[in-house]
Amino acid sequence: MTQSIWKSIKSWLGNKSTSQNNNTPGKTSLSEGEALESYPLDGSLNIRRMRIDDVEQVHDIDVLSFSMPWPSSSYRFELLDNPASLSWVAEIALPDGNTRVIGMVVVWMVTDEAHIATIAVHPDYRGRGAGRKLLAACLRATACKGAKRSTLEVRAGNVIAQSLYQSFGFQVAGRRPRYYQDNNEDALIMTLFDMDPRQMGGCD
C-alpha cells in the first residue's frame, strides 16, 4: 500500500480512534452512494467495538442491506463464540441524547490476514462517509493486530463498492463464479496487500 493511501486512511479517521471494549458468504453493501459523500456526518459519528446489545440494530441494517442477511444468531456467535472475529459499529448521537447504530463491519482474523466478512451502512445514512470511516478503522485496527493483508468478496456488478475499496488500495485478485446464491452472481475477490500501521500514525 502506498504512503498516500495510508495518509488518506488517517485523515478519514480524523481524531476518532476505534474504541476497544455461519460461515455464510462474505457480503459488502456500501454501494448506494457511499463513495459520493454528498453531506458528511458531523462529529457525532463514533466508531467502536460491537457489543451484544447492538445485535438487534446490526441485524436490522443487515436485513435492509442484503438479499441474504445473516440471522441474529450469527452476530451473537461472532461476538461470543468466534475467537477469530472482530466487529465494529458506526454510531451517531441523536438530538434526544440517545445513540443509533448506523453501520457495522465483521472481520475474521486468520493468521496474518483480515477477511472482511460483512460490512454495511443503514440506507438512511449512506453517502455520508460512515462506511469509509468504518473500513478505515477496521483496517488500522487489524493491521495493529498483525494483519499483513485484507481480503473481501464483492458482487461483480457492485462497481461503486469496488471503487471505494480500490480507493483504499484493494485490487481484484480473483473471481468466484456463481458465488451469490440469490441470483448466481459472481463475486470478485479483492485484496489489500502490505498493510503497515506505521504508515497511518501507528497503533494506540
N, C-alpha and C. Protein backbone atom coordinates (compact mmCIF):
# COMPACT_ATOMS: atom_id res chain seq x y z
N MET A 1 0.85 -1.19 0.00
CA MET A 1 0.00 0.00 0.00
C MET A 1 0.89 1.24 0.00
N THR A 2 0.54 2.24 -0.78
CA THR A 2 1.35 3.44 -0.85
C THR A 2 1.12 4.31 0.37
N GLN A 3 2.13 5.17 0.63
CA GLN A 3 2.01 6.07 1.78
C GLN A 3 0.84 7.02 1.62
N SER A 4 0.53 7.43 0.37
CA SER A 4 -0.57 8.38 0.17
C SER A 4 -1.90 7.78 0.58
N ILE A 5 -2.10 6.48 0.31
CA ILE A 5 -3.36 5.84 0.72
C ILE A 5 -3.44 5.74 2.22
N TRP A 6 -2.33 5.38 2.88
CA TRP A 6 -2.33 5.33 4.35
C TRP A 6 -2.63 6.69 4.95
N LYS A 7 -2.07 7.75 4.36
CA LYS A 7 -2.35 9.10 4.85
C LYS A 7 -3.83 9.43 4.70
N SER A 8 -4.43 8.95 3.59
CA SER A 8 -5.85 9.17 3.40
C SER A 8 -6.67 8.46 4.46
N ILE A 9 -6.28 7.23 4.79
CA ILE A 9 -6.99 6.50 5.85
C ILE A 9 -6.89 7.25 7.16
N LYS A 10 -5.71 7.76 7.46
CA LYS A 10 -5.53 8.52 8.70
C LYS A 10 -6.44 9.74 8.71
N SER A 11 -6.55 10.42 7.57
CA SER A 11 -7.40 11.61 7.52
C SER A 11 -8.87 11.24 7.62
N TRP A 12 -9.28 10.11 7.04
CA TRP A 12 -10.68 9.68 7.13
C TRP A 12 -11.05 9.38 8.57
N LEU A 13 -10.09 8.82 9.33
CA LEU A 13 -10.37 8.53 10.73
C LEU A 13 -10.39 9.79 11.57
N GLY A 14 -9.66 10.83 11.14
CA GLY A 14 -9.60 12.07 11.90
C GLY A 14 -9.06 11.81 13.29
N ASN A 15 -9.67 12.43 14.28
CA ASN A 15 -9.26 12.24 15.66
C ASN A 15 -10.02 11.11 16.34
N LYS A 16 -10.89 10.45 15.59
CA LYS A 16 -11.67 9.35 16.16
C LYS A 16 -10.85 8.08 16.10
N SER A 17 -10.63 7.44 17.21
CA SER A 17 -9.96 6.15 17.22
C SER A 17 -10.99 5.06 17.43
N THR A 18 -10.61 3.82 17.11
CA THR A 18 -11.51 2.70 17.29
C THR A 18 -11.61 2.37 18.76
N SER A 19 -12.80 2.39 19.33
CA SER A 19 -12.99 2.07 20.73
C SER A 19 -12.85 0.57 20.92
N GLN A 20 -12.11 0.12 21.93
CA GLN A 20 -11.91 -1.30 22.13
C GLN A 20 -12.84 -1.80 23.22
N ASN A 21 -13.29 -2.27 23.44
CA ASN A 21 -14.05 -2.89 24.50
C ASN A 21 -13.84 -4.46 24.50
N ASN A 22 -21.99 -20.35 10.64
CA ASN A 22 -22.12 -19.42 9.97
C ASN A 22 -21.29 -19.07 8.84
N ASN A 23 -20.54 -19.42 8.89
CA ASN A 23 -19.78 -19.23 7.68
C ASN A 23 -20.73 -19.03 6.50
N THR A 24 -21.30 -17.88 6.37
CA THR A 24 -22.14 -17.52 5.25
C THR A 24 -21.31 -16.68 4.29
N PRO A 25 -21.74 -16.52 3.03
CA PRO A 25 -20.92 -15.80 2.08
C PRO A 25 -20.59 -14.38 2.54
N GLY A 26 -19.36 -13.96 2.27
CA GLY A 26 -18.97 -12.58 2.56
C GLY A 26 -19.83 -11.63 1.76
N LYS A 27 -20.10 -10.47 2.30
CA LYS A 27 -21.01 -9.55 1.64
C LYS A 27 -20.66 -8.13 2.02
N THR A 28 -20.74 -7.25 1.07
CA THR A 28 -20.47 -5.85 1.33
C THR A 28 -21.57 -5.02 0.71
N SER A 29 -22.01 -3.96 1.41
CA SER A 29 -23.11 -3.14 0.92
C SER A 29 -22.80 -1.68 1.19
N LEU A 30 -21.84 -1.15 0.44
CA LEU A 30 -21.53 0.27 0.52
C LEU A 30 -21.80 0.92 -0.83
N SER A 31 -22.72 0.33 -1.59
CA SER A 31 -22.84 0.72 -2.99
C SER A 31 -23.72 1.93 -3.23
N GLU A 32 -24.77 2.08 -2.44
CA GLU A 32 -25.77 3.09 -2.78
C GLU A 32 -25.28 4.49 -2.40
N GLY A 33 -24.28 4.97 -3.13
CA GLY A 33 -23.82 6.34 -2.94
C GLY A 33 -22.75 6.51 -1.89
N GLU A 34 -22.28 5.42 -1.28
CA GLU A 34 -21.31 5.59 -0.19
C GLU A 34 -20.04 6.29 -0.66
N ALA A 35 -19.69 6.13 -1.92
CA ALA A 35 -18.47 6.77 -2.40
C ALA A 35 -18.67 8.25 -2.71
N LEU A 36 -19.91 8.73 -2.66
CA LEU A 36 -20.20 10.09 -3.09
C LEU A 36 -20.07 11.10 -1.96
N GLU A 37 -20.47 10.75 -0.75
CA GLU A 37 -20.35 11.60 0.42
C GLU A 37 -20.86 13.03 0.17
N SER A 38 -22.12 13.16 -0.16
CA SER A 38 -22.66 14.46 -0.52
C SER A 38 -22.75 15.42 0.67
N TYR A 39 -23.05 14.89 1.86
CA TYR A 39 -23.06 15.75 3.04
C TYR A 39 -22.62 14.90 4.23
N PRO A 40 -21.35 14.98 4.59
CA PRO A 40 -20.79 14.08 5.60
C PRO A 40 -21.43 14.27 6.96
N LEU A 41 -21.41 13.20 7.74
CA LEU A 41 -21.88 13.26 9.11
C LEU A 41 -20.95 14.14 9.93
N ASP A 42 -21.50 14.75 10.97
CA ASP A 42 -20.69 15.64 11.79
C ASP A 42 -19.92 14.85 12.84
N GLY A 43 -19.39 15.54 13.83
CA GLY A 43 -18.56 14.92 14.84
C GLY A 43 -19.27 13.95 15.74
N SER A 44 -20.59 13.76 15.55
CA SER A 44 -21.31 12.81 16.39
C SER A 44 -21.01 11.37 16.01
N LEU A 45 -20.38 11.13 14.87
CA LEU A 45 -20.09 9.76 14.42
C LEU A 45 -18.95 9.17 15.25
N ASN A 46 -19.19 7.98 15.79
CA ASN A 46 -18.19 7.28 16.59
C ASN A 46 -18.05 5.86 16.09
N ILE A 47 -16.81 5.39 15.93
CA ILE A 47 -16.55 4.00 15.58
C ILE A 47 -16.10 3.29 16.84
N ARG A 48 -16.77 2.22 17.21
CA ARG A 48 -16.42 1.47 18.42
C ARG A 48 -16.66 -0.01 18.19
N ARG A 49 -16.14 -0.84 19.10
CA ARG A 49 -16.35 -2.27 19.01
C ARG A 49 -17.82 -2.62 19.21
N MET A 50 -18.28 -3.60 18.47
CA MET A 50 -19.66 -4.05 18.59
C MET A 50 -19.88 -4.75 19.93
N ARG A 51 -21.07 -4.54 20.51
CA ARG A 51 -21.46 -5.18 21.76
C ARG A 51 -22.70 -6.05 21.52
N ILE A 52 -22.96 -6.93 22.45
CA ILE A 52 -24.08 -7.84 22.29
C ILE A 52 -25.41 -7.09 22.23
N ASP A 53 -25.51 -5.95 22.91
CA ASP A 53 -26.77 -5.20 22.87
C ASP A 53 -26.94 -4.41 21.57
N ASP A 54 -25.96 -4.48 20.68
CA ASP A 54 -26.08 -3.86 19.36
C ASP A 54 -26.72 -4.79 18.34
N VAL A 55 -26.86 -6.07 18.68
CA VAL A 55 -27.22 -7.07 17.67
C VAL A 55 -28.54 -6.75 16.98
N GLU A 56 -29.54 -6.30 17.71
CA GLU A 56 -30.84 -6.01 17.08
C GLU A 56 -30.70 -4.94 16.00
N GLN A 57 -29.99 -3.84 16.31
CA GLN A 57 -29.82 -2.78 15.32
C GLN A 57 -28.93 -3.24 14.17
N VAL A 58 -27.89 -4.00 14.49
CA VAL A 58 -27.00 -4.52 13.45
C VAL A 58 -27.76 -5.44 12.49
N HIS A 59 -28.60 -6.31 13.05
CA HIS A 59 -29.36 -7.22 12.20
C HIS A 59 -30.36 -6.44 11.33
N ASP A 60 -30.95 -5.38 11.87
CA ASP A 60 -31.85 -4.54 11.06
C ASP A 60 -31.11 -3.97 9.85
N ILE A 61 -29.88 -3.51 10.07
CA ILE A 61 -29.08 -2.97 8.96
C ILE A 61 -28.80 -4.06 7.93
N ASP A 62 -28.48 -5.25 8.41
CA ASP A 62 -28.21 -6.39 7.52
C ASP A 62 -29.41 -6.70 6.65
N VAL A 63 -30.60 -6.76 7.26
CA VAL A 63 -31.82 -7.07 6.52
C VAL A 63 -32.11 -6.01 5.47
N LEU A 64 -31.85 -4.75 5.79
CA LEU A 64 -32.09 -3.66 4.85
C LEU A 64 -31.05 -3.61 3.74
N SER A 65 -29.92 -4.27 3.93
CA SER A 65 -28.79 -4.13 3.01
C SER A 65 -28.59 -5.32 2.08
N PHE A 66 -29.02 -6.51 2.49
CA PHE A 66 -28.67 -7.70 1.73
C PHE A 66 -29.88 -8.57 1.44
N SER A 67 -29.83 -9.23 0.29
CA SER A 67 -30.90 -10.18 -0.05
C SER A 67 -30.76 -11.48 0.72
N MET A 68 -29.56 -11.76 1.25
CA MET A 68 -29.33 -12.95 2.06
C MET A 68 -28.70 -12.54 3.39
N PRO A 69 -29.46 -11.89 4.27
CA PRO A 69 -28.88 -11.41 5.53
C PRO A 69 -28.52 -12.55 6.48
N TRP A 70 -27.55 -12.27 7.34
CA TRP A 70 -27.24 -13.21 8.41
C TRP A 70 -28.39 -13.18 9.43
N PRO A 71 -28.66 -14.30 10.10
CA PRO A 71 -29.60 -14.26 11.22
C PRO A 71 -28.95 -13.59 12.42
N SER A 72 -29.76 -13.15 13.35
CA SER A 72 -29.22 -12.52 14.56
C SER A 72 -28.25 -13.43 15.29
N SER A 73 -28.53 -14.74 15.25
CA SER A 73 -27.67 -15.70 15.95
C SER A 73 -26.25 -15.70 15.42
N SER A 74 -26.07 -15.35 14.14
CA SER A 74 -24.72 -15.29 13.58
C SER A 74 -23.91 -14.18 14.23
N TYR A 75 -24.55 -13.05 14.48
CA TYR A 75 -23.83 -11.95 15.13
C TYR A 75 -23.53 -12.28 16.58
N ARG A 76 -24.45 -12.97 17.24
CA ARG A 76 -24.16 -13.39 18.62
C ARG A 76 -22.99 -14.37 18.63
N PHE A 77 -22.95 -15.25 17.65
CA PHE A 77 -21.83 -16.18 17.56
C PHE A 77 -20.52 -15.44 17.35
N GLU A 78 -20.52 -14.45 16.46
CA GLU A 78 -19.29 -13.69 16.20
C GLU A 78 -18.80 -13.00 17.47
N LEU A 79 -19.72 -12.48 18.26
CA LEU A 79 -19.35 -11.73 19.45
C LEU A 79 -18.95 -12.63 20.62
N LEU A 80 -19.61 -13.78 20.74
CA LEU A 80 -19.45 -14.60 21.95
C LEU A 80 -18.62 -15.86 21.75
N ASP A 81 -18.61 -16.40 20.54
CA ASP A 81 -18.05 -17.74 20.36
C ASP A 81 -16.97 -17.86 19.28
N ASN A 82 -16.71 -16.83 18.54
CA ASN A 82 -15.71 -16.91 17.48
C ASN A 82 -14.48 -16.10 17.89
N PRO A 83 -13.42 -16.75 18.34
CA PRO A 83 -12.24 -16.01 18.80
C PRO A 83 -11.49 -15.30 17.67
N ALA A 84 -11.76 -15.67 16.43
CA ALA A 84 -11.08 -15.04 15.30
C ALA A 84 -11.83 -13.82 14.78
N SER A 85 -12.98 -13.51 15.40
CA SER A 85 -13.84 -12.44 14.89
C SER A 85 -13.61 -11.12 15.61
N LEU A 86 -13.58 -10.05 14.84
CA LEU A 86 -13.53 -8.69 15.37
C LEU A 86 -14.65 -7.90 14.69
N SER A 87 -15.41 -7.15 15.49
CA SER A 87 -16.58 -6.46 14.94
C SER A 87 -16.64 -5.04 15.47
N TRP A 88 -17.06 -4.13 14.60
CA TRP A 88 -17.21 -2.72 14.96
C TRP A 88 -18.56 -2.19 14.48
N VAL A 89 -18.99 -1.11 15.08
CA VAL A 89 -20.17 -0.39 14.61
C VAL A 89 -19.83 1.09 14.45
N ALA A 90 -20.60 1.74 13.58
CA ALA A 90 -20.61 3.19 13.48
C ALA A 90 -21.85 3.67 14.19
N GLU A 91 -21.68 4.62 15.10
CA GLU A 91 -22.77 5.07 15.97
C GLU A 91 -22.85 6.59 15.92
N ILE A 92 -24.07 7.11 15.93
CA ILE A 92 -24.26 8.56 15.98
C ILE A 92 -25.05 8.93 17.22
N ALA A 93 -24.84 10.14 17.69
CA ALA A 93 -25.63 10.70 18.79
C ALA A 93 -26.87 11.36 18.22
N LEU A 94 -28.01 11.11 18.84
CA LEU A 94 -29.28 11.69 18.42
C LEU A 94 -29.60 12.92 19.26
N PRO A 95 -30.45 13.81 18.74
CA PRO A 95 -30.78 15.04 19.48
C PRO A 95 -31.37 14.79 20.87
N ASP A 96 -32.04 13.65 21.04
CA ASP A 96 -32.67 13.37 22.34
C ASP A 96 -31.71 12.78 23.36
N GLY A 97 -30.42 12.67 22.97
CA GLY A 97 -29.42 12.14 23.88
C GLY A 97 -29.15 10.66 23.73
N ASN A 98 -29.99 9.96 22.97
CA ASN A 98 -29.75 8.55 22.70
C ASN A 98 -28.75 8.40 21.55
N THR A 99 -28.38 7.17 21.27
CA THR A 99 -27.48 6.88 20.16
C THR A 99 -28.14 5.89 19.22
N ARG A 100 -27.62 5.83 17.99
CA ARG A 100 -28.15 4.90 17.00
C ARG A 100 -26.99 4.28 16.24
N VAL A 101 -27.01 2.97 16.08
CA VAL A 101 -26.03 2.27 15.26
C VAL A 101 -26.46 2.41 13.80
N ILE A 102 -25.56 2.92 12.96
CA ILE A 102 -25.90 3.15 11.55
C ILE A 102 -25.03 2.34 10.60
N GLY A 103 -24.06 1.63 11.13
CA GLY A 103 -23.21 0.82 10.27
C GLY A 103 -22.50 -0.25 11.07
N MET A 104 -22.01 -1.27 10.37
CA MET A 104 -21.32 -2.36 11.06
C MET A 104 -20.33 -3.03 10.13
N VAL A 105 -19.34 -3.69 10.73
CA VAL A 105 -18.38 -4.49 9.98
C VAL A 105 -17.94 -5.65 10.86
N VAL A 106 -17.80 -6.82 10.24
CA VAL A 106 -17.27 -8.01 10.91
C VAL A 106 -16.05 -8.48 10.14
N VAL A 107 -14.97 -8.71 10.86
CA VAL A 107 -13.71 -9.13 10.25
C VAL A 107 -13.25 -10.42 10.91
N TRP A 108 -12.77 -11.37 10.09
CA TRP A 108 -12.18 -12.60 10.62
C TRP A 108 -10.67 -12.52 10.48
N MET A 109 -9.97 -12.64 11.58
CA MET A 109 -8.51 -12.66 11.58
C MET A 109 -8.03 -14.10 11.44
N VAL A 110 -7.35 -14.40 10.34
CA VAL A 110 -6.80 -15.73 10.08
C VAL A 110 -5.31 -15.57 9.86
N THR A 111 -4.54 -15.96 10.86
CA THR A 111 -3.09 -15.71 10.90
C THR A 111 -2.82 -14.23 10.61
N ASP A 112 -2.21 -13.92 9.46
CA ASP A 112 -1.87 -12.52 9.18
C ASP A 112 -2.80 -11.90 8.14
N GLU A 113 -4.00 -12.46 7.99
CA GLU A 113 -4.97 -11.93 7.02
C GLU A 113 -6.25 -11.50 7.73
N ALA A 114 -6.74 -10.31 7.37
CA ALA A 114 -8.02 -9.81 7.88
C ALA A 114 -9.05 -9.96 6.76
N HIS A 115 -9.98 -10.91 6.96
CA HIS A 115 -11.02 -11.13 5.95
C HIS A 115 -12.28 -10.37 6.37
N ILE A 116 -12.69 -9.42 5.55
CA ILE A 116 -13.88 -8.63 5.84
C ILE A 116 -15.09 -9.47 5.44
N ALA A 117 -15.78 -10.01 6.47
CA ALA A 117 -16.88 -10.94 6.23
C ALA A 117 -18.16 -10.22 5.83
N THR A 118 -18.42 -9.08 6.45
CA THR A 118 -19.59 -8.28 6.09
C THR A 118 -19.37 -6.85 6.53
N ILE A 119 -19.89 -5.94 5.75
CA ILE A 119 -19.84 -4.51 6.08
C ILE A 119 -21.04 -3.84 5.43
N ALA A 120 -21.72 -3.00 6.17
CA ALA A 120 -22.92 -2.35 5.64
C ALA A 120 -23.22 -1.08 6.42
N VAL A 121 -23.93 -0.17 5.77
CA VAL A 121 -24.41 1.07 6.37
C VAL A 121 -25.91 1.16 6.16
N HIS A 122 -26.60 1.63 7.17
CA HIS A 122 -28.06 1.81 7.07
C HIS A 122 -28.39 2.69 5.85
N PRO A 123 -29.41 2.31 5.06
CA PRO A 123 -29.74 3.08 3.85
C PRO A 123 -29.95 4.57 4.10
N ASP A 124 -30.47 4.96 5.27
CA ASP A 124 -30.73 6.37 5.55
C ASP A 124 -29.45 7.19 5.72
N TYR A 125 -28.31 6.51 5.89
CA TYR A 125 -27.07 7.22 6.19
C TYR A 125 -25.96 6.94 5.18
N ARG A 126 -26.30 6.32 4.07
CA ARG A 126 -25.29 6.08 3.05
C ARG A 126 -24.91 7.36 2.34
N GLY A 127 -23.73 7.37 1.80
CA GLY A 127 -23.24 8.53 1.08
C GLY A 127 -22.74 9.64 1.97
N ARG A 128 -22.50 9.35 3.27
CA ARG A 128 -22.09 10.40 4.20
C ARG A 128 -20.80 10.05 4.94
N GLY A 129 -20.09 9.04 4.45
CA GLY A 129 -18.77 8.75 4.97
C GLY A 129 -18.68 7.72 6.07
N ALA A 130 -19.81 7.21 6.56
CA ALA A 130 -19.76 6.24 7.66
C ALA A 130 -19.07 4.96 7.23
N GLY A 131 -19.39 4.46 6.04
CA GLY A 131 -18.76 3.24 5.57
C GLY A 131 -17.27 3.39 5.37
N ARG A 132 -16.87 4.54 4.85
CA ARG A 132 -15.45 4.80 4.64
C ARG A 132 -14.70 4.81 5.97
N LYS A 133 -15.29 5.45 6.97
CA LYS A 133 -14.63 5.50 8.28
C LYS A 133 -14.61 4.14 8.96
N LEU A 134 -15.68 3.36 8.80
CA LEU A 134 -15.70 2.00 9.33
C LEU A 134 -14.59 1.17 8.73
N LEU A 135 -14.46 1.24 7.42
CA LEU A 135 -13.44 0.45 6.73
C LEU A 135 -12.04 0.90 7.16
N ALA A 136 -11.82 2.20 7.23
CA ALA A 136 -10.51 2.71 7.65
C ALA A 136 -10.18 2.25 9.07
N ALA A 137 -11.17 2.31 9.95
CA ALA A 137 -10.93 1.93 11.34
C ALA A 137 -10.59 0.46 11.47
N CYS A 138 -11.33 -0.40 10.77
CA CYS A 138 -11.06 -1.83 10.92
C CYS A 138 -9.74 -2.21 10.27
N LEU A 139 -9.36 -1.53 9.19
CA LEU A 139 -8.06 -1.83 8.57
C LEU A 139 -6.92 -1.44 9.50
N ARG A 140 -7.02 -0.27 10.12
CA ARG A 140 -5.96 0.13 11.04
C ARG A 140 -5.89 -0.80 12.24
N ALA A 141 -7.05 -1.14 12.81
CA ALA A 141 -7.06 -1.99 14.00
C ALA A 141 -6.52 -3.37 13.70
N THR A 142 -6.89 -3.95 12.56
CA THR A 142 -6.40 -5.29 12.25
C THR A 142 -4.92 -5.27 11.87
N ALA A 143 -4.48 -4.19 11.22
CA ALA A 143 -3.04 -4.07 10.95
C ALA A 143 -2.26 -4.01 12.26
N CYS A 144 -2.82 -3.33 13.26
CA CYS A 144 -2.15 -3.25 14.56
C CYS A 144 -2.15 -4.59 15.28
N LYS A 145 -3.05 -5.49 14.87
CA LYS A 145 -3.07 -6.83 15.45
C LYS A 145 -2.25 -7.82 14.64
N GLY A 146 -1.56 -7.34 13.62
CA GLY A 146 -0.65 -8.20 12.88
C GLY A 146 -1.07 -8.57 11.48
N ALA A 147 -2.22 -8.06 11.00
CA ALA A 147 -2.64 -8.38 9.64
C ALA A 147 -1.70 -7.73 8.63
N LYS A 148 -1.28 -8.50 7.66
CA LYS A 148 -0.42 -8.00 6.59
C LYS A 148 -1.21 -7.74 5.31
N ARG A 149 -2.38 -8.33 5.23
CA ARG A 149 -3.24 -8.11 4.06
C ARG A 149 -4.69 -8.27 4.48
N SER A 150 -5.59 -7.76 3.65
CA SER A 150 -7.02 -7.86 3.91
C SER A 150 -7.71 -8.32 2.63
N THR A 151 -8.74 -9.15 2.79
CA THR A 151 -9.49 -9.65 1.63
C THR A 151 -10.98 -9.46 1.87
N LEU A 152 -11.72 -9.46 0.79
CA LEU A 152 -13.18 -9.42 0.85
C LEU A 152 -13.74 -9.92 -0.46
N GLU A 153 -15.03 -10.27 -0.43
CA GLU A 153 -15.77 -10.59 -1.66
C GLU A 153 -16.79 -9.50 -1.91
N VAL A 154 -16.96 -9.14 -3.16
CA VAL A 154 -17.93 -8.13 -3.54
C VAL A 154 -18.59 -8.56 -4.84
N ARG A 155 -19.86 -8.26 -4.97
CA ARG A 155 -20.57 -8.64 -6.20
C ARG A 155 -19.90 -8.02 -7.42
N ALA A 156 -19.83 -8.81 -8.49
CA ALA A 156 -19.17 -8.34 -9.71
C ALA A 156 -19.85 -7.10 -10.27
N GLY A 157 -21.15 -6.97 -10.02
CA GLY A 157 -21.88 -5.82 -10.53
C GLY A 157 -21.89 -4.60 -9.63
N ASN A 158 -21.31 -4.72 -8.46
CA ASN A 158 -21.32 -3.62 -7.49
C ASN A 158 -20.11 -2.71 -7.72
N VAL A 159 -20.17 -1.92 -8.77
CA VAL A 159 -19.00 -1.16 -9.19
C VAL A 159 -18.70 0.01 -8.25
N ILE A 160 -19.73 0.56 -7.59
CA ILE A 160 -19.48 1.68 -6.68
C ILE A 160 -18.70 1.19 -5.45
N ALA A 161 -19.11 0.04 -4.91
CA ALA A 161 -18.37 -0.52 -3.78
C ALA A 161 -16.94 -0.86 -4.20
N GLN A 162 -16.79 -1.43 -5.38
CA GLN A 162 -15.45 -1.76 -5.86
C GLN A 162 -14.58 -0.51 -5.95
N SER A 163 -15.17 0.59 -6.38
CA SER A 163 -14.42 1.85 -6.48
C SER A 163 -13.96 2.32 -5.10
N LEU A 164 -14.83 2.18 -4.10
CA LEU A 164 -14.44 2.55 -2.75
C LEU A 164 -13.27 1.71 -2.28
N TYR A 165 -13.37 0.38 -2.45
CA TYR A 165 -12.30 -0.49 -1.99
C TYR A 165 -10.99 -0.19 -2.73
N GLN A 166 -11.10 0.11 -4.01
CA GLN A 166 -9.90 0.46 -4.77
C GLN A 166 -9.26 1.74 -4.24
N SER A 167 -10.08 2.67 -3.72
CA SER A 167 -9.52 3.90 -3.16
C SER A 167 -8.71 3.63 -1.90
N PHE A 168 -8.93 2.47 -1.26
CA PHE A 168 -8.14 2.05 -0.12
C PHE A 168 -6.92 1.23 -0.53
N GLY A 169 -6.80 0.91 -1.81
CA GLY A 169 -5.68 0.10 -2.28
C GLY A 169 -6.02 -1.35 -2.58
N PHE A 170 -7.30 -1.75 -2.42
CA PHE A 170 -7.68 -3.12 -2.76
C PHE A 170 -7.56 -3.35 -4.26
N GLN A 171 -7.12 -4.55 -4.62
CA GLN A 171 -7.00 -4.94 -6.01
C GLN A 171 -7.79 -6.22 -6.24
N VAL A 172 -8.33 -6.38 -7.45
CA VAL A 172 -9.02 -7.62 -7.80
C VAL A 172 -7.98 -8.73 -7.93
N ALA A 173 -8.15 -9.77 -7.11
CA ALA A 173 -7.18 -10.86 -7.08
C ALA A 173 -7.76 -12.19 -7.56
N GLY A 174 -9.06 -12.23 -7.80
CA GLY A 174 -9.67 -13.48 -8.25
C GLY A 174 -11.16 -13.32 -8.41
N ARG A 175 -11.79 -14.41 -8.77
CA ARG A 175 -13.23 -14.39 -9.04
C ARG A 175 -13.83 -15.72 -8.58
N ARG A 176 -14.99 -15.65 -7.92
CA ARG A 176 -15.72 -16.85 -7.51
C ARG A 176 -17.00 -16.92 -8.35
N PRO A 177 -17.04 -17.81 -9.35
CA PRO A 177 -18.22 -17.89 -10.22
C PRO A 177 -19.47 -18.32 -9.44
N ARG A 178 -20.59 -17.67 -9.74
CA ARG A 178 -21.90 -18.02 -9.19
C ARG A 178 -21.87 -18.11 -7.66
N TYR A 179 -21.19 -17.17 -7.04
CA TYR A 179 -20.96 -17.21 -5.59
C TYR A 179 -22.21 -16.86 -4.80
N TYR A 180 -22.99 -15.91 -5.30
CA TYR A 180 -24.16 -15.44 -4.57
C TYR A 180 -25.38 -16.26 -4.98
N GLN A 181 -25.97 -16.94 -4.01
CA GLN A 181 -26.99 -17.93 -4.30
C GLN A 181 -28.33 -17.33 -4.71
N ASP A 182 -28.56 -16.05 -4.39
CA ASP A 182 -29.86 -15.47 -4.73
C ASP A 182 -30.02 -15.26 -6.23
N ASN A 183 -28.91 -14.94 -6.93
CA ASN A 183 -29.01 -14.72 -8.37
C ASN A 183 -27.84 -15.30 -9.15
N ASN A 184 -27.01 -16.11 -8.46
CA ASN A 184 -25.85 -16.76 -9.09
C ASN A 184 -24.83 -15.76 -9.65
N GLU A 185 -24.81 -14.57 -9.06
CA GLU A 185 -23.83 -13.57 -9.50
C GLU A 185 -22.43 -13.96 -9.03
N ASP A 186 -21.44 -13.64 -9.85
CA ASP A 186 -20.05 -13.88 -9.48
C ASP A 186 -19.62 -12.92 -8.38
N ALA A 187 -18.65 -13.36 -7.59
CA ALA A 187 -18.01 -12.49 -6.61
C ALA A 187 -16.59 -12.20 -7.06
N LEU A 188 -16.18 -10.97 -6.91
CA LEU A 188 -14.77 -10.61 -7.10
C LEU A 188 -14.08 -10.71 -5.75
N ILE A 189 -12.92 -11.32 -5.73
CA ILE A 189 -12.08 -11.35 -4.54
C ILE A 189 -11.14 -10.16 -4.63
N MET A 190 -11.23 -9.27 -3.66
CA MET A 190 -10.36 -8.09 -3.65
C MET A 190 -9.42 -8.17 -2.45
N THR A 191 -8.17 -7.82 -2.68
CA THR A 191 -7.15 -7.96 -1.65
C THR A 191 -6.37 -6.67 -1.51
N LEU A 192 -6.10 -6.31 -0.27
CA LEU A 192 -5.22 -5.19 0.07
C LEU A 192 -3.92 -5.78 0.61
N PHE A 193 -2.82 -5.50 -0.05
CA PHE A 193 -1.53 -6.06 0.33
C PHE A 193 -0.72 -5.04 1.16
N ASP A 194 0.28 -5.57 1.84
CA ASP A 194 1.30 -4.74 2.50
C ASP A 194 0.70 -3.75 3.49
N MET A 195 -0.18 -4.22 4.36
CA MET A 195 -0.74 -3.37 5.41
C MET A 195 0.34 -3.05 6.44
N ASP A 196 0.48 -1.78 6.76
CA ASP A 196 1.52 -1.35 7.69
C ASP A 196 0.97 -0.19 8.52
N PRO A 197 0.64 -0.43 9.80
CA PRO A 197 0.04 0.64 10.60
C PRO A 197 0.97 1.83 10.83
N ARG A 198 2.26 1.64 10.68
CA ARG A 198 3.20 2.75 10.87
C ARG A 198 2.99 3.85 9.84
N GLN A 199 2.45 3.46 8.69
CA GLN A 199 2.21 4.42 7.61
C GLN A 199 0.98 5.30 7.88
N MET A 200 0.20 4.95 8.91
CA MET A 200 -1.04 5.69 9.18
C MET A 200 -1.12 6.18 10.61
N GLY A 201 0.02 6.44 11.19
CA GLY A 201 0.04 7.04 12.53
C GLY A 201 0.30 6.07 13.64
N GLY A 202 0.52 4.79 13.33
CA GLY A 202 0.83 3.82 14.36
C GLY A 202 -0.39 3.33 15.10
N CYS A 203 -0.14 2.58 16.16
CA CYS A 203 -1.22 1.94 16.94
C CYS A 203 -1.39 2.66 18.26
N ASP A 204 -2.64 2.61 18.77
CA ASP A 204 -2.94 3.23 20.06
C ASP A 204 -2.28 2.45 21.18
